[in-house]
Amino acid sequence: DPKIKAQAFGFEVFDANSKRQAAELETDPAKRKAAMEATAKVY
């Protein structure tokens, strides 16, 4: 469906923001850093 496909970029942005928020909540410093680095690549 082209209407849904057109919204894919918005979903990518939402996914990146969700990953950033999840990384911020990580309590283990090593896991937090790894999650932030992975999120940086997404952004």
Full PDB file with SEQRES, HELIX, SHEET, SSBOND, CRYST1, ORIGX, SCALE, CONECT and MASTER records, all heavy atoms in Angstrom:
SEQRES   1 A   43  ASP PRO LYS ILE LYS ALA GLN ALA PHE GLY PHE GLU VAL          
SEQRES   2 A   43  PHE ASP ALA ASN SER LYS ARG GLN ALA ALA GLU LEU GLU          
SEQRES   3 A   43  THR ASP PRO ALA LYS ARG LYS ALA ALA MET GLU ALA THR          
SEQRES   4 A   43  ALA LYS VAL TYR                                              
HELIX    1 AA1 PRO A    2  ALA A    6  1                                   5    
HELIX    2 AA2 ALA A    8  LEU A   25  1                                  18    
HELIX    3 AA3 PRO A   29  VAL A   42  1                                  14    
CRYST1    1.000    1.000    1.000  90.00  90.00  90.00 P 1           1          
ORIGX1      1.000000  0.000000  0.000000        0.00000                         
ORIGX2      0.000000  1.000000  0.000000        0.00000                         
ORIGX3      0.000000  0.000000  1.000000        0.00000                         
SCALE1      1.000000  0.000000  0.000000        0.00000                         
SCALE2      0.000000  1.000000  0.000000        0.00000                         
SCALE3      0.000000  0.000000  1.000000        0.00000                         
ATOM      1  N   ASP A   1       0.844  -1.192   0.000  1.00  0.00           N  
ATOM      2  CA  ASP A   1       0.000   0.000   0.000  1.00  0.00           C  
ATOM      3  C   ASP A   1       0.885   1.250   0.000  1.00  0.00           C  
ATOM      4  O   ASP A   1       1.651   1.478   0.944  1.00  0.00           O  
ATOM      5  CB  ASP A   1      -0.901  -0.007   1.235  1.00  0.00           C  
ATOM      6  CG  ASP A   1      -1.908   1.129   1.256  1.00  0.00           C  
ATOM      7  OD1 ASP A   1      -1.775   2.072   0.452  1.00  0.00           O  
ATOM      8  OD2 ASP A   1      -2.833   1.072   2.090  1.00  0.00           O  
ATOM      9  N   PRO A   2       0.803   2.084  -1.028  1.00  0.00           N  
ATOM     10  CA  PRO A   2       1.668   3.271  -1.107  1.00  0.00           C  
ATOM     11  C   PRO A   2       1.444   4.272   0.034  1.00  0.00           C  
ATOM     12  O   PRO A   2       2.372   4.978   0.423  1.00  0.00           O  
ATOM     13  CB  PRO A   2       1.343   3.900  -2.461  1.00  0.00           C  
ATOM     14  CG  PRO A   2       0.133   3.218  -2.971  1.00  0.00           C  
ATOM     15  CD  PRO A   2      -0.049   1.952  -2.192  1.00  0.00           C  
ATOM     16  N   LYS A   3       0.237   4.304   0.582  1.00  0.00           N  
ATOM     17  CA  LYS A   3      -0.028   5.220   1.704  1.00  0.00           C  
ATOM     18  C   LYS A   3       0.755   4.794   2.946  1.00  0.00           C  
ATOM     19  O   LYS A   3       1.270   5.637   3.675  1.00  0.00           O  
ATOM     20  CB  LYS A   3      -1.526   5.271   2.012  1.00  0.00           C  
ATOM     21  CG  LYS A   3      -2.339   5.954   0.944  1.00  0.00           C  
ATOM     22  CD  LYS A   3      -3.808   5.967   1.295  1.00  0.00           C  
ATOM     23  CE  LYS A   3      -4.622   6.599   0.191  1.00  0.00           C  
ATOM     24  NZ  LYS A   3      -6.054   6.568   0.479  1.00  0.00           N  
ATOM     25  N   ILE A   4       0.819   3.508   3.182  1.00  0.00           N  
ATOM     26  CA  ILE A   4       1.571   2.998   4.332  1.00  0.00           C  
ATOM     27  C   ILE A   4       3.067   3.137   4.077  1.00  0.00           C  
ATOM     28  O   ILE A   4       3.820   3.543   4.955  1.00  0.00           O  
ATOM     29  CB  ILE A   4       1.188   1.536   4.643  1.00  0.00           C  
ATOM     30  CG1 ILE A   4      -0.270   1.488   5.131  1.00  0.00           C  
ATOM     31  CG2 ILE A   4       2.126   0.925   5.680  1.00  0.00           C  
ATOM     32  CD1 ILE A   4      -0.823   0.110   5.342  1.00  0.00           C  
ATOM     33  N   LYS A   5       3.488   2.825   2.868  1.00  0.00           N  
ATOM     34  CA  LYS A   5       4.904   2.937   2.507  1.00  0.00           C  
ATOM     35  C   LYS A   5       5.387   4.377   2.670  1.00  0.00           C  
ATOM     36  O   LYS A   5       6.521   4.619   3.073  1.00  0.00           O  
ATOM     37  CB  LYS A   5       5.110   2.456   1.074  1.00  0.00           C  
ATOM     38  CG  LYS A   5       6.528   2.175   0.723  1.00  0.00           C  
ATOM     39  CD  LYS A   5       6.625   1.503  -0.624  1.00  0.00           C  
ATOM     40  CE  LYS A   5       7.269   0.173  -0.353  1.00  0.00           C  
ATOM     41  NZ  LYS A   5       7.499  -0.639  -1.506  1.00  0.00           N  
ATOM     42  N   ALA A   6       4.520   5.341   2.400  1.00  0.00           N  
ATOM     43  CA  ALA A   6       4.877   6.751   2.537  1.00  0.00           C  
ATOM     44  C   ALA A   6       5.113   7.135   3.999  1.00  0.00           C  
ATOM     45  O   ALA A   6       5.800   8.123   4.269  1.00  0.00           O  
ATOM     46  CB  ALA A   6       3.784   7.628   1.936  1.00  0.00           C  
ATOM     47  N   GLN A   7       4.561   6.371   4.925  1.00  0.00           N  
ATOM     48  CA  GLN A   7       4.714   6.657   6.350  1.00  0.00           C  
ATOM     49  C   GLN A   7       5.933   5.961   6.963  1.00  0.00           C  
ATOM     50  O   GLN A   7       6.217   6.129   8.153  1.00  0.00           O  
ATOM     51  CB  GLN A   7       3.459   6.219   7.113  1.00  0.00           C  
ATOM     52  CG  GLN A   7       2.196   6.935   6.673  1.00  0.00           C  
ATOM     53  CD  GLN A   7       2.277   8.432   6.918  1.00  0.00           C  
ATOM     54  OE1 GLN A   7       2.751   8.866   7.950  1.00  0.00           O  
ATOM     55  NE2 GLN A   7       1.827   9.213   5.956  1.00  0.00           N  
ATOM     56  N   ALA A   8       6.680   5.207   6.169  1.00  0.00           N  
ATOM     57  CA  ALA A   8       7.802   4.424   6.688  1.00  0.00           C  
ATOM     58  C   ALA A   8       8.858   5.300   7.358  1.00  0.00           C  
ATOM     59  O   ALA A   8       9.395   4.937   8.399  1.00  0.00           O  
ATOM     60  CB  ALA A   8       8.430   3.593   5.568  1.00  0.00           C  
ATOM     61  N   PHE A   9       9.152   6.460   6.787  1.00  0.00           N  
ATOM     62  CA  PHE A   9      10.165   7.327   7.385  1.00  0.00           C  
ATOM     63  C   PHE A   9       9.727   7.794   8.769  1.00  0.00           C  
ATOM     64  O   PHE A   9      10.533   7.833   9.702  1.00  0.00           O  
ATOM     65  CB  PHE A   9      10.451   8.534   6.490  1.00  0.00           C  
ATOM     66  CG  PHE A   9      11.572   9.381   6.996  1.00  0.00           C  
ATOM     67  CD1 PHE A   9      12.881   8.976   6.847  1.00  0.00           C  
ATOM     68  CD2 PHE A   9      11.321  10.582   7.640  1.00  0.00           C  
ATOM     69  CE1 PHE A   9      13.930   9.743   7.329  1.00  0.00           C  
ATOM     70  CE2 PHE A   9      12.355  11.360   8.125  1.00  0.00           C  
ATOM     71  CZ  PHE A   9      13.663  10.933   7.971  1.00  0.00           C  
ATOM     72  N   GLY A  10       8.473   8.124   8.937  1.00  0.00           N  
ATOM     73  CA  GLY A  10       7.947   8.515  10.243  1.00  0.00           C  
ATOM     74  C   GLY A  10       8.085   7.396  11.266  1.00  0.00           C  
ATOM     75  O   GLY A  10       8.413   7.640  12.429  1.00  0.00           O  
ATOM     76  N   PHE A  11       7.876   6.168  10.821  1.00  0.00           N  
ATOM     77  CA  PHE A  11       8.060   5.023  11.709  1.00  0.00           C  
ATOM     78  C   PHE A  11       9.528   4.871  12.095  1.00  0.00           C  
ATOM     79  O   PHE A  11       9.853   4.501  13.226  1.00  0.00           O  
ATOM     80  CB  PHE A  11       7.559   3.729  11.059  1.00  0.00           C  
ATOM     81  CG  PHE A  11       6.064   3.621  10.962  1.00  0.00           C  
ATOM     82  CD1 PHE A  11       5.456   3.268   9.769  1.00  0.00           C  
ATOM     83  CD2 PHE A  11       5.253   3.869  12.060  1.00  0.00           C  
ATOM     84  CE1 PHE A  11       4.079   3.155   9.673  1.00  0.00           C  
ATOM     85  CE2 PHE A  11       3.874   3.760  11.984  1.00  0.00           C  
ATOM     86  CZ  PHE A  11       3.284   3.406  10.780  1.00  0.00           C  
ATOM     87  N   GLU A  12      10.435   5.151  11.148  1.00  0.00           N  
ATOM     88  CA  GLU A  12      11.866   5.079  11.447  1.00  0.00           C  
ATOM     89  C   GLU A  12      12.256   6.098  12.509  1.00  0.00           C  
ATOM     90  O   GLU A  12      13.045   5.801  13.411  1.00  0.00           O  
ATOM     91  CB  GLU A  12      12.686   5.319  10.186  1.00  0.00           C  
ATOM     92  CG  GLU A  12      12.669   4.190   9.195  1.00  0.00           C  
ATOM     93  CD  GLU A  12      13.530   4.489   7.989  1.00  0.00           C  
ATOM     94  OE1 GLU A  12      14.769   4.409   8.119  1.00  0.00           O  
ATOM     95  OE2 GLU A  12      12.961   4.810   6.927  1.00  0.00           O  
ATOM     96  N   VAL A  13      11.708   7.303  12.406  1.00  0.00           N  
ATOM     97  CA  VAL A  13      11.997   8.350  13.390  1.00  0.00           C  
ATOM     98  C   VAL A  13      11.460   7.940  14.760  1.00  0.00           C  
ATOM     99  O   VAL A  13      12.151   8.078  15.774  1.00  0.00           O  
ATOM    100  CB  VAL A  13      11.404   9.706  12.945  1.00  0.00           C  
ATOM    101  CG1 VAL A  13      11.582  10.762  14.019  1.00  0.00           C  
ATOM    102  CG2 VAL A  13      12.033  10.160  11.633  1.00  0.00           C  
ATOM    103  N   PHE A  14      10.253   7.423  14.791  1.00  0.00           N  
ATOM    104  CA  PHE A  14       9.658   6.959  16.043  1.00  0.00           C  
ATOM    105  C   PHE A  14      10.512   5.845  16.656  1.00  0.00           C  
ATOM    106  O   PHE A  14      10.763   5.835  17.870  1.00  0.00           O  
ATOM    107  CB  PHE A  14       8.227   6.469  15.802  1.00  0.00           C  
ATOM    108  CG  PHE A  14       7.551   5.964  17.037  1.00  0.00           C  
ATOM    109  CD1 PHE A  14       6.984   6.839  17.944  1.00  0.00           C  
ATOM    110  CD2 PHE A  14       7.502   4.603  17.307  1.00  0.00           C  
ATOM    111  CE1 PHE A  14       6.366   6.371  19.104  1.00  0.00           C  
ATOM    112  CE2 PHE A  14       6.887   4.134  18.451  1.00  0.00           C  
ATOM    113  CZ  PHE A  14       6.320   5.013  19.349  1.00  0.00           C  
ATOM    114  N   ASP A  15      10.978   4.922  15.819  1.00  0.00           N  
ATOM    115  CA  ASP A  15      11.819   3.824  16.285  1.00  0.00           C  
ATOM    116  C   ASP A  15      13.127   4.347  16.881  1.00  0.00           C  
ATOM    117  O   ASP A  15      13.558   3.890  17.936  1.00  0.00           O  
ATOM    118  CB  ASP A  15      12.098   2.868  15.124  1.00  0.00           C  
ATOM    119  CG  ASP A  15      12.887   1.656  15.548  1.00  0.00           C  
ATOM    120  OD1 ASP A  15      12.448   0.963  16.478  1.00  0.00           O  
ATOM    121  OD2 ASP A  15      13.941   1.394  14.935  1.00  0.00           O  
ATOM    122  N   ALA A  16      13.748   5.319  16.226  1.00  0.00           N  
ATOM    123  CA  ALA A  16      15.000   5.889  16.738  1.00  0.00           C  
ATOM    124  C   ALA A  16      14.775   6.567  18.084  1.00  0.00           C  
ATOM    125  O   ALA A  16      15.571   6.398  19.019  1.00  0.00           O  
ATOM    126  CB  ALA A  16      15.577   6.886  15.733  1.00  0.00           C  
ATOM    127  N   ASN A  17      13.690   7.330  18.194  1.00  0.00           N  
ATOM    128  CA  ASN A  17      13.389   8.005  19.465  1.00  0.00           C  
ATOM    129  C   ASN A  17      13.108   6.993  20.570  1.00  0.00           C  
ATOM    130  O   ASN A  17      13.512   7.191  21.722  1.00  0.00           O  
ATOM    131  CB  ASN A  17      12.216   8.966  19.294  1.00  0.00           C  
ATOM    132  CG  ASN A  17      12.573  10.183  18.474  1.00  0.00           C  
ATOM    133  OD1 ASN A  17      13.721  10.624  18.452  1.00  0.00           O  
ATOM    134  ND2 ASN A  17      11.597  10.730  17.784  1.00  0.00           N  
ATOM    135  N   SER A  18      12.434   5.906  20.232  1.00  0.00           N  
ATOM    136  CA  SER A  18      12.160   4.850  21.223  1.00  0.00           C  
ATOM    137  C   SER A  18      13.452   4.184  21.688  1.00  0.00           C  
ATOM    138  O   SER A  18      13.624   3.915  22.880  1.00  0.00           O  
ATOM    139  CB  SER A  18      11.230   3.795  20.631  1.00  0.00           C  
ATOM    140  OG  SER A  18       9.987   4.358  20.304  1.00  0.00           O  
ATOM    141  N   LYS A  19      14.362   3.946  20.745  1.00  0.00           N  
ATOM    142  CA  LYS A  19      15.646   3.339  21.108  1.00  0.00           C  
ATOM    143  C   LYS A  19      16.456   4.277  22.000  1.00  0.00           C  
ATOM    144  O   LYS A  19      17.127   3.828  22.930  1.00  0.00           O  
ATOM    145  CB  LYS A  19      16.432   2.988  19.851  1.00  0.00           C  
ATOM    146  CG  LYS A  19      15.859   1.796  19.123  1.00  0.00           C  
ATOM    147  CD  LYS A  19      16.621   1.480  17.858  1.00  0.00           C  
ATOM    148  CE  LYS A  19      15.986   0.257  17.198  1.00  0.00           C  
ATOM    149  NZ  LYS A  19      16.611  -0.080  15.944  1.00  0.00           N  
ATOM    150  N   ARG A  20      16.401   5.572  21.722  1.00  0.00           N  
ATOM    151  CA  ARG A  20      17.120   6.541  22.556  1.00  0.00           C  
ATOM    152  C   ARG A  20      16.560   6.544  23.971  1.00  0.00           C  
ATOM    153  O   ARG A  20      17.301   6.513  24.954  1.00  0.00           O  
ATOM    154  CB  ARG A  20      17.031   7.955  21.965  1.00  0.00           C  
ATOM    155  CG  ARG A  20      17.742   9.007  22.822  1.00  0.00           C  
ATOM    156  CD  ARG A  20      17.620  10.404  22.236  1.00  0.00           C  
ATOM    157  NE  ARG A  20      16.272  10.798  21.922  1.00  0.00           N  
ATOM    158  CZ  ARG A  20      15.388  11.251  22.804  1.00  0.00           C  
ATOM    159  NH1 ARG A  20      15.702  11.360  24.081  1.00  0.00           N  
ATOM    160  NH2 ARG A  20      14.177  11.610  22.419  1.00  0.00           N  
ATOM    161  N   GLN A  21      15.247   6.551  24.094  1.00  0.00           N  
ATOM    162  CA  GLN A  21      14.629   6.542  25.417  1.00  0.00           C  
ATOM    163  C   GLN A  21      14.936   5.259  26.172  1.00  0.00           C  
ATOM    164  O   GLN A  21      15.189   5.285  27.379  1.00  0.00           O  
ATOM    165  CB  GLN A  21      13.121   6.759  25.296  1.00  0.00           C  
ATOM    166  CG  GLN A  21      12.777   8.164  24.859  1.00  0.00           C  
ATOM    167  CD  GLN A  21      11.289   8.356  24.626  1.00  0.00           C  
ATOM    168  OE1 GLN A  21      10.513   7.399  24.597  1.00  0.00           O  
ATOM    169  NE2 GLN A  21      10.879   9.596  24.452  1.00  0.00           N  
ATOM    170  N   ALA A  22      14.945   4.136  25.472  1.00  0.00           N  
ATOM    171  CA  ALA A  22      15.282   2.858  26.116  1.00  0.00           C  
ATOM    172  C   ALA A  22      16.735   2.869  26.584  1.00  0.00           C  
ATOM    173  O   ALA A  22      17.045   2.386  27.676  1.00  0.00           O  
ATOM    174  CB  ALA A  22      15.038   1.702  25.152  1.00  0.00           C  
ATOM    175  N   ALA A  23      17.616   3.432  25.766  1.00  0.00           N  
ATOM    176  CA  ALA A  23      19.032   3.499  26.159  1.00  0.00           C  
ATOM    177  C   ALA A  23      19.212   4.396  27.379  1.00  0.00           C  
ATOM    178  O   ALA A  23      20.023   4.099  28.258  1.00  0.00           O  
ATOM    179  CB  ALA A  23      19.869   4.016  24.992  1.00  0.00           C  
ATOM    180  N   GLU A  24      18.449   5.483  27.455  1.00  0.00           N  
ATOM    181  CA  GLU A  24      18.540   6.386  28.601  1.00  0.00           C  
ATOM    182  C   GLU A  24      18.131   5.689  29.895  1.00  0.00           C  
ATOM    183  O   GLU A  24      18.626   6.029  30.968  1.00  0.00           O  
ATOM    184  CB  GLU A  24      17.657   7.619  28.395  1.00  0.00           C  
ATOM    185  CG  GLU A  24      18.187   8.585  27.362  1.00  0.00           C  
ATOM    186  CD  GLU A  24      17.224   9.726  27.071  1.00  0.00           C  
ATOM    187  OE1 GLU A  24      16.054   9.674  27.520  1.00  0.00           O  
ATOM    188  OE2 GLU A  24      17.646  10.656  26.376  1.00  0.00           O  
ATOM    189  N   LEU A  25      17.246   4.721  29.807  1.00  0.00           N  
ATOM    190  CA  LEU A  25      16.748   4.016  30.991  1.00  0.00           C  
ATOM    191  C   LEU A  25      17.622   2.842  31.406  1.00  0.00           C  
ATOM    192  O   LEU A  25      17.422   2.280  32.481  1.00  0.00           O  
ATOM    193  CB  LEU A  25      15.319   3.529  30.744  1.00  0.00           C  
ATOM    194  CG  LEU A  25      14.272   4.630  30.538  1.00  0.00           C  
ATOM    195  CD1 LEU A  25      12.937   4.019  30.135  1.00  0.00           C  
ATOM    196  CD2 LEU A  25      14.129   5.467  31.797  1.00  0.00           C  
ATOM    197  N   GLU A  26      18.580   2.482  30.576  1.00  0.00           N  
ATOM    198  CA  GLU A  26      19.471   1.360  30.883  1.00  0.00           C  
ATOM    199  C   GLU A  26      20.351   1.725  32.073  1.00  0.00           C  
ATOM    200  O   GLU A  26      20.965   2.781  32.117  1.00  0.00           O  
ATOM    201  CB  GLU A  26      20.335   1.021  29.668  1.00  0.00           C  
ATOM    202  CG  GLU A  26      21.288  -0.111  29.879  1.00  0.00           C  
ATOM    203  CD  GLU A  26      20.608  -1.413  30.246  1.00  0.00           C  
ATOM    204  OE1 GLU A  26      19.766  -1.884  29.463  1.00  0.00           O  
ATOM    205  OE2 GLU A  26      20.932  -1.951  31.324  1.00  0.00           O  
ATOM    206  N   THR A  27      20.406   0.838  33.071  1.00  0.00           N  
ATOM    207  CA  THR A  27      21.176   1.119  34.284  1.00  0.00           C  
ATOM    208  C   THR A  27      22.616   0.612  34.220  1.00  0.00           C  
ATOM    209  O   THR A  27      23.481   1.154  34.892  1.00  0.00           O  
ATOM    210  CB  THR A  27      20.479   0.503  35.514  1.00  0.00           C  
ATOM    211  OG1 THR A  27      20.310  -0.898  35.294  1.00  0.00           O  
ATOM    212  CG2 THR A  27      19.134   1.170  35.755  1.00  0.00           C  
ATOM    213  N   ASP A  28      22.872  -0.406  33.421  1.00  0.00           N  
ATOM    214  CA  ASP A  28      24.228  -0.931  33.270  1.00  0.00           C  
ATOM    215  C   ASP A  28      25.001   0.010  32.336  1.00  0.00           C  
ATOM    216  O   ASP A  28      24.613   0.193  31.177  1.00  0.00           O  
ATOM    217  CB  ASP A  28      24.172  -2.335  32.680  1.00  0.00           C  
ATOM    218  CG  ASP A  28      25.545  -2.965  32.525  1.00  0.00           C  
ATOM    219  OD1 ASP A  28      26.469  -2.283  32.032  1.00  0.00           O  
ATOM    220  OD2 ASP A  28      25.687  -4.143  32.884  1.00  0.00           O  
ATOM    221  N   PRO A  29      26.090   0.622  32.808  1.00  0.00           N  
ATOM    222  CA  PRO A  29      26.824   1.600  31.998  1.00  0.00           C  
ATOM    223  C   PRO A  29      27.322   1.056  30.658  1.00  0.00           C  
ATOM    224  O   PRO A  29      27.259   1.747  29.641  1.00  0.00           O  
ATOM    225  CB  PRO A  29      27.996   2.010  32.891  1.00  0.00           C  
ATOM    226  CG  PRO A  29      27.564   1.698  34.275  1.00  0.00           C  
ATOM    227  CD  PRO A  29      26.657   0.515  34.163  1.00  0.00           C  
ATOM    228  N   ALA A  30      27.796  -0.177  30.629  1.00  0.00           N  
ATOM    229  CA  ALA A  30      28.302  -0.748  29.378  1.00  0.00           C  
ATOM    230  C   ALA A  30      27.168  -0.972  28.379  1.00  0.00           C  
ATOM    231  O   ALA A  30      27.297  -0.667  27.188  1.00  0.00           O  
ATOM    232  CB  ALA A  30      29.035  -2.055  29.653  1.00  0.00           C  
ATOM    233  N   LYS A  31      26.052  -1.499  28.873  1.00  0.00           N  
ATOM    234  CA  LYS A  31      24.895  -1.722  27.999  1.00  0.00           C  
ATOM    235  C   LYS A  31      24.316  -0.389  27.526  1.00  0.00           C  
ATOM    236  O   LYS A  31      23.875  -0.261  26.390  1.00  0.00           O  
ATOM    237  CB  LYS A  31      23.823  -2.530  28.719  1.00  0.00           C  
ATOM    238  CG  LYS A  31      24.195  -3.971  28.926  1.00  0.00           C  
ATOM    239  CD  LYS A  31      23.080  -4.716  29.635  1.00  0.00           C  
ATOM    240  CE  LYS A  31      23.433  -6.158  29.876  1.00  0.00           C  
ATOM    241  NZ  LYS A  31      22.376  -6.878  30.598  1.00  0.00           N  
ATOM    242  N   ARG A  32      24.308   0.600  28.419  1.00  0.00           N  
ATOM    243  CA  ARG A  32      23.800   1.930  28.066  1.00  0.00           C  
ATOM    244  C   ARG A  32      24.640   2.535  26.945  1.00  0.00           C  
ATOM    245  O   ARG A  32      24.103   3.045  25.964  1.00  0.00           O  
ATOM    246  CB  ARG A  32      23.807   2.842  29.291  1.00  0.00           C  
ATOM    247  CG  ARG A  32      23.329   4.241  29.003  1.00  0.00           C  
ATOM    248  CD  ARG A  32      23.492   5.131  30.252  1.00  0.00           C  
ATOM    249  NE  ARG A  32      23.252   6.500  29.933  1.00  0.00           N  
ATOM    250  CZ  ARG A  32      22.155   7.172  30.228  1.00  0.00           C  
ATOM    251  NH1 ARG A  32      21.180   6.579  30.868  1.00  0.00           N  
ATOM    252  NH2 ARG A  32      22.027   8.428  29.890  1.00  0.00           N  
ATOM    253  N   LYS A  33      25.963   2.455  27.078  1.00  0.00           N  
ATOM    254  CA  LYS A  33      26.843   3.014  26.057  1.00  0.00           C  
ATOM    255  C   LYS A  33      26.653   2.300  24.728  1.00  0.00           C  
ATOM    256  O   LYS A  33      26.572   2.938  23.674  1.00  0.00           O  
ATOM    257  CB  LYS A  33      28.298   2.942  26.501  1.00  0.00           C  
ATOM    258  CG  LYS A  33      29.235   3.582  25.508  1.00  0.00           C  
ATOM    259  CD  LYS A  33      30.665   3.582  25.979  1.00  0.00           C  
ATOM    260  CE  LYS A  33      31.537   4.270  24.924  1.00  0.00           C  
ATOM    261  NZ  LYS A  33      32.936   4.184  25.216  1.00  0.00           N  
ATOM    262  N   ALA A  34      26.568   0.976  24.760  1.00  0.00           N  
ATOM    263  CA  ALA A  34      26.370   0.204  23.529  1.00  0.00           C  
ATOM    264  C   ALA A  34      25.044   0.562  22.865  1.00  0.00           C  
ATOM    265  O   ALA A  34      24.971   0.716  21.638  1.00  0.00           O  
ATOM    266  CB  ALA A  34      26.433  -1.288  23.831  1.00  0.00           C  
ATOM    267  N   ALA A  35      24.000   0.714  23.672  1.00  0.00           N  
ATOM    268  CA  ALA A  35      22.696   1.073  23.131  1.00  0.00           C  
ATOM    269  C   ALA A  35      22.712   2.484  22.547  1.00  0.00           C  
ATOM    270  O   ALA A  35      22.125   2.741  21.491  1.00  0.00           O  
ATOM    271  CB  ALA A  35      21.623   0.959  24.213  1.00  0.00           C  
ATOM    272  N   MET A  36      23.406   3.410  23.213  1.00  0.00           N  
ATOM    273  CA  MET A  36      23.508   4.778  22.701  1.00  0.00           C  
ATOM    274  C   MET A  36      24.294   4.814  21.387  1.00  0.00           C  
ATOM    275  O   MET A  36      23.932   5.537  20.465  1.00  0.00           O  
ATOM    276  CB  MET A  36      24.174   5.700  23.723  1.00  0.00           C  
ATOM    277  CG  MET A  36      23.282   6.118  24.852  1.00  0.00           C  
ATOM    278  SD  MET A  36      21.958   7.203  24.266  1.00  0.00           S  
ATOM    279  CE  MET A  36      21.134   7.525  25.807  1.00  0.00           C  
ATOM    280  N   GLU A  37      25.361   4.028  21.306  1.00  0.00           N  
ATOM    281  CA  GLU A  37      26.152   3.985  20.078  1.00  0.00           C  
ATOM    282  C   GLU A  37      25.332   3.410  18.921  1.00  0.00           C  
ATOM    283  O   GLU A  37      25.396   3.912  17.797  1.00  0.00           O  
ATOM    284  CB  GLU A  37      27.429   3.185  20.292  1.00  0.00           C  
ATOM    285  CG  GLU A  37      28.435   3.914  21.167  1.00  0.00           C  
ATOM    286  CD  GLU A  37      29.620   3.072  21.582  1.00  0.00           C  
ATOM    287  OE1 GLU A  37      29.573   1.835  21.425  1.00  0.00           O  
ATOM    288  OE2 GLU A  37      30.602   3.668  22.073  1.00  0.00           O  
ATOM    289  N   ALA A  38      24.550   2.380  19.204  1.00  0.00           N  
ATOM    290  CA  ALA A  38      23.685   1.802  18.172  1.00  0.00           C  
ATOM    291  C   ALA A  38      22.615   2.804  17.745  1.00  0.00           C  
ATOM    292  O   ALA A  38      22.306   2.929  16.553  1.00  0.00           O  
ATOM    293  CB  ALA A  38      23.041   0.517  18.684  1.00  0.00           C  
ATOM    294  N   THR A  39      22.082   3.530  18.706  1.00  0.00           N  
ATOM    295  CA  THR A  39      21.062   4.535  18.400  1.00  0.00           C  
ATOM    296  C   THR A  39      21.656   5.686  17.595  1.00  0.00           C  
ATOM    297  O   THR A  39      21.000   6.217  16.692  1.00  0.00           O  
ATOM    298  CB  THR A  39      20.426   5.053  19.709  1.00  0.00           C  
ATOM    299  OG1 THR A  39      19.894   3.934  20.426  1.00  0.00           O  
ATOM    300  CG2 THR A  39      19.315   6.036  19.438  1.00  0.00           C  
ATOM    301  N   ALA A  40      22.886   6.068  17.892  1.00  0.00           N  
ATOM    302  CA  ALA A  40      23.556   7.124  17.131  1.00  0.00           C  
ATOM    303  C   ALA A  40      23.652   6.730  15.663  1.00  0.00           C  
ATOM    304  O   ALA A  40      23.436   7.559  14.767  1.00  0.00           O  
ATOM    305  CB  ALA A  40      24.931   7.418  17.706  1.00  0.00           C  
ATOM    306  N   LYS A  41      23.935   5.458  15.391  1.00  0.00           N  
ATOM    307  CA  LYS A  41      24.022   4.986  14.003  1.00  0.00           C  
ATOM    308  C   LYS A  41      22.664   5.067  13.313  1.00  0.00           C  
ATOM    309  O   LYS A  41      22.582   5.394  12.126  1.00  0.00           O  
ATOM    310  CB  LYS A  41      24.569   3.565  13.966  1.00  0.00           C  
ATOM    311  CG  LYS A  41      26.033   3.497  14.339  1.00  0.00           C  
ATOM    312  CD  LYS A  41      26.550   2.092  14.312  1.00  0.00           C  
ATOM    313  CE  LYS A  41      28.010   2.088  14.763  1.00  0.00           C  
ATOM    314  NZ  LYS A  41      28.576   0.752  14.809  1.00  0.00           N  
ATOM    315  N   VAL A  42      21.605   4.790  14.053  1.00  0.00           N  
ATOM    316  CA  VAL A  42      20.257   4.895  13.480  1.00  0.00           C  
ATOM    317  C   VAL A  42      19.964   6.348  13.108  1.00  0.00           C  
ATOM    318  O   VAL A  42      19.481   6.638  12.012  1.00  0.00           O  
ATOM    319  CB  VAL A  42      19.190   4.355  14.456  1.00  0.00           C  
ATOM    320  CG1 VAL A  42      17.789   4.605  13.922  1.00  0.00           C  
ATOM    321  CG2 VAL A  42      19.406   2.874  14.721  1.00  0.00           C  
ATOM    322  N   TYR A  43      20.280   7.268  14.025  1.00  0.00           N  
ATOM    323  CA  TYR A  43      20.069   8.688  13.730  1.00  0.00           C  
ATOM    324  C   TYR A  43      20.928   9.145  12.552  1.00  0.00           C  
ATOM    325  O   TYR A  43      20.475   9.932  11.716  1.00  0.00           O  
ATOM    326  CB  TYR A  43      20.363   9.550  14.960  1.00  0.00           C  
ATOM    327  CG  TYR A  43      19.226   9.629  15.934  1.00  0.00           C  
ATOM    328  CD1 TYR A  43      19.332   9.085  17.204  1.00  0.00           C  
ATOM    329  CD2 TYR A  43      18.039  10.264  15.605  1.00  0.00           C  
ATOM    330  CE1 TYR A  43      18.297   9.162  18.118  1.00  0.00           C  
ATOM    331  CE2 TYR A  43      16.989  10.345  16.503  1.00  0.00           C  
ATOM    332  CZ  TYR A  43      17.121   9.796  17.753  1.00  0.00           C  
ATOM    333  OH  TYR A  43      16.076   9.878  18.648  1.00  0.00           O  
TER     334      TYR A  43                                                      
MASTER        0    0    0    3    0    0    0    6  333    1    0    4          
END                                                                             
